[in-house]
């Protein structure tokens, strides 16, 4: 049986207009991205909603808990752009 949060994330990944809230490598806040998680290898620079270049985080080893799981603070510029777009979003930990 699937867990609700995993189901929601999986359904969100199928849409084209979803914002994924990630914690980029070496960051302490979540940034919004529109690239689907897993599209780029870890460490690849991508552009967040705020226009800042961030790096795709490295995956958590199987069975581990992502370090980013406890980080809830969002980049204010990303959050403003997300609100402007009015699209769905999901938190995504690697």
Protein backbone atom coordinates (compact mmCIF):
# COMPACT_ATOMS: atom_id res chain seq x y z
CA UNK A 1 0.00 0.00 0.00
CA UNK A 2 1.30 3.46 -0.90
CA UNK A 3 1.69 6.18 1.65
CA UNK A 4 -0.43 9.29 0.93
CA UNK A 5 2.55 11.67 0.69
CA UNK A 6 4.32 9.37 -1.77
CA UNK A 7 1.11 9.05 -3.81
CA UNK A 8 0.69 12.83 -3.93
CA UNK A 9 4.31 13.33 -4.95
CA UNK A 10 4.01 10.66 -7.64
CA UNK A 11 0.85 12.25 -9.04
CA UNK A 12 2.44 15.70 -8.94
CA UNK A 13 5.44 14.41 -10.89
CA UNK A 14 3.12 13.55 -13.79
CA UNK A 15 1.93 17.16 -14.21
CA UNK A 16 3.81 19.77 -16.21
CA UNK A 17 3.00 22.81 -14.04
CA UNK A 18 4.13 21.58 -10.61
CA UNK A 19 6.63 23.39 -8.40
CA UNK A 20 8.91 21.03 -6.48
CA UNK A 21 10.26 22.40 -3.19
CA UNK A 22 13.78 21.03 -2.76
CA UNK A 23 16.73 21.80 -0.52
CA UNK A 24 19.63 22.33 -2.92
CA UNK A 25 23.10 21.11 -2.09
CA UNK A 26 24.66 23.27 0.65
CA UNK A 27 21.40 25.17 1.32
CA UNK A 28 19.36 25.62 4.50
CA UNK A 29 16.13 26.77 2.76
CA UNK A 30 13.84 25.21 0.20
CA UNK A 31 13.81 26.57 -3.32
CA UNK A 32 11.06 26.02 -5.87
CA UNK A 33 11.98 24.37 -9.15
CA UNK A 34 9.93 23.28 -12.14
CA UNK A 35 12.35 20.61 -13.38
CA UNK A 36 11.08 17.19 -12.39
CA UNK A 37 13.16 15.54 -9.64
CA UNK A 38 15.56 13.03 -11.10
CA UNK A 39 15.76 14.80 -14.45
CA UNK A 40 19.32 15.97 -13.78
CA UNK A 41 22.18 14.24 -11.97
CA UNK A 42 23.09 15.37 -8.46
CA UNK A 43 25.21 18.49 -8.42
CA UNK A 44 23.84 19.84 -11.71
CA UNK A 45 23.14 23.59 -11.60
CA UNK A 46 19.51 24.51 -12.36
CA UNK A 47 17.52 27.73 -12.08
CA UNK A 48 15.05 28.08 -9.22
CA UNK A 49 11.86 30.16 -9.41
CA UNK A 50 13.71 33.08 -7.82
CA UNK A 51 16.23 33.10 -10.68
CA UNK A 52 19.05 31.86 -8.48
CA UNK A 53 21.21 29.02 -9.76
CA UNK A 54 21.03 26.10 -7.32
CA UNK A 55 22.53 22.61 -7.45
CA UNK A 56 20.46 19.44 -7.57
CA UNK A 57 20.82 17.69 -4.20
CA UNK A 58 22.52 14.35 -3.75
CA UNK A 59 20.27 11.36 -3.04
CA UNK A 60 19.93 9.86 0.40
CA UNK A 61 21.27 6.30 0.62
CA UNK A 62 18.53 3.68 0.49
CA UNK A 63 16.91 3.21 3.87
CA UNK A 64 18.16 6.55 5.21
CA UNK A 65 16.22 9.67 6.16
CA UNK A 66 16.91 12.72 4.00
CA UNK A 67 18.70 15.44 5.96
CA UNK A 68 16.47 17.99 4.26
CA UNK A 69 13.28 16.49 5.69
CA UNK A 70 13.25 18.85 8.69
CA UNK A 71 13.86 22.01 6.61
CA UNK A 72 10.60 23.89 6.07
CA UNK A 73 11.77 27.46 5.42
CA UNK A 74 11.15 28.53 1.83
CA UNK A 75 13.05 31.08 -0.24
CA UNK A 76 10.79 34.14 -0.14
CA UNK A 77 11.43 35.05 -3.79
CA UNK A 78 10.56 31.48 -4.89
CA UNK A 79 7.43 31.56 -2.71
CA UNK A 80 6.35 34.88 -4.26
CA UNK A 81 6.78 33.49 -7.79
CA UNK A 82 4.96 30.30 -6.80
CA UNK A 83 2.01 32.37 -5.49
CA UNK A 84 1.98 34.43 -8.69
CA UNK A 85 1.78 31.29 -10.84
CA UNK A 86 -0.98 29.71 -8.78
CA UNK A 87 0.15 26.19 -9.65
CA UNK A 88 0.28 23.06 -7.45
CA UNK A 89 3.40 22.17 -5.50
CA UNK A 90 4.95 19.37 -3.51
CA UNK A 91 7.85 19.03 -1.11
CA UNK A 92 10.51 16.72 -2.52
CA UNK A 93 13.36 15.28 -0.48
CA UNK A 94 16.13 13.30 -2.12
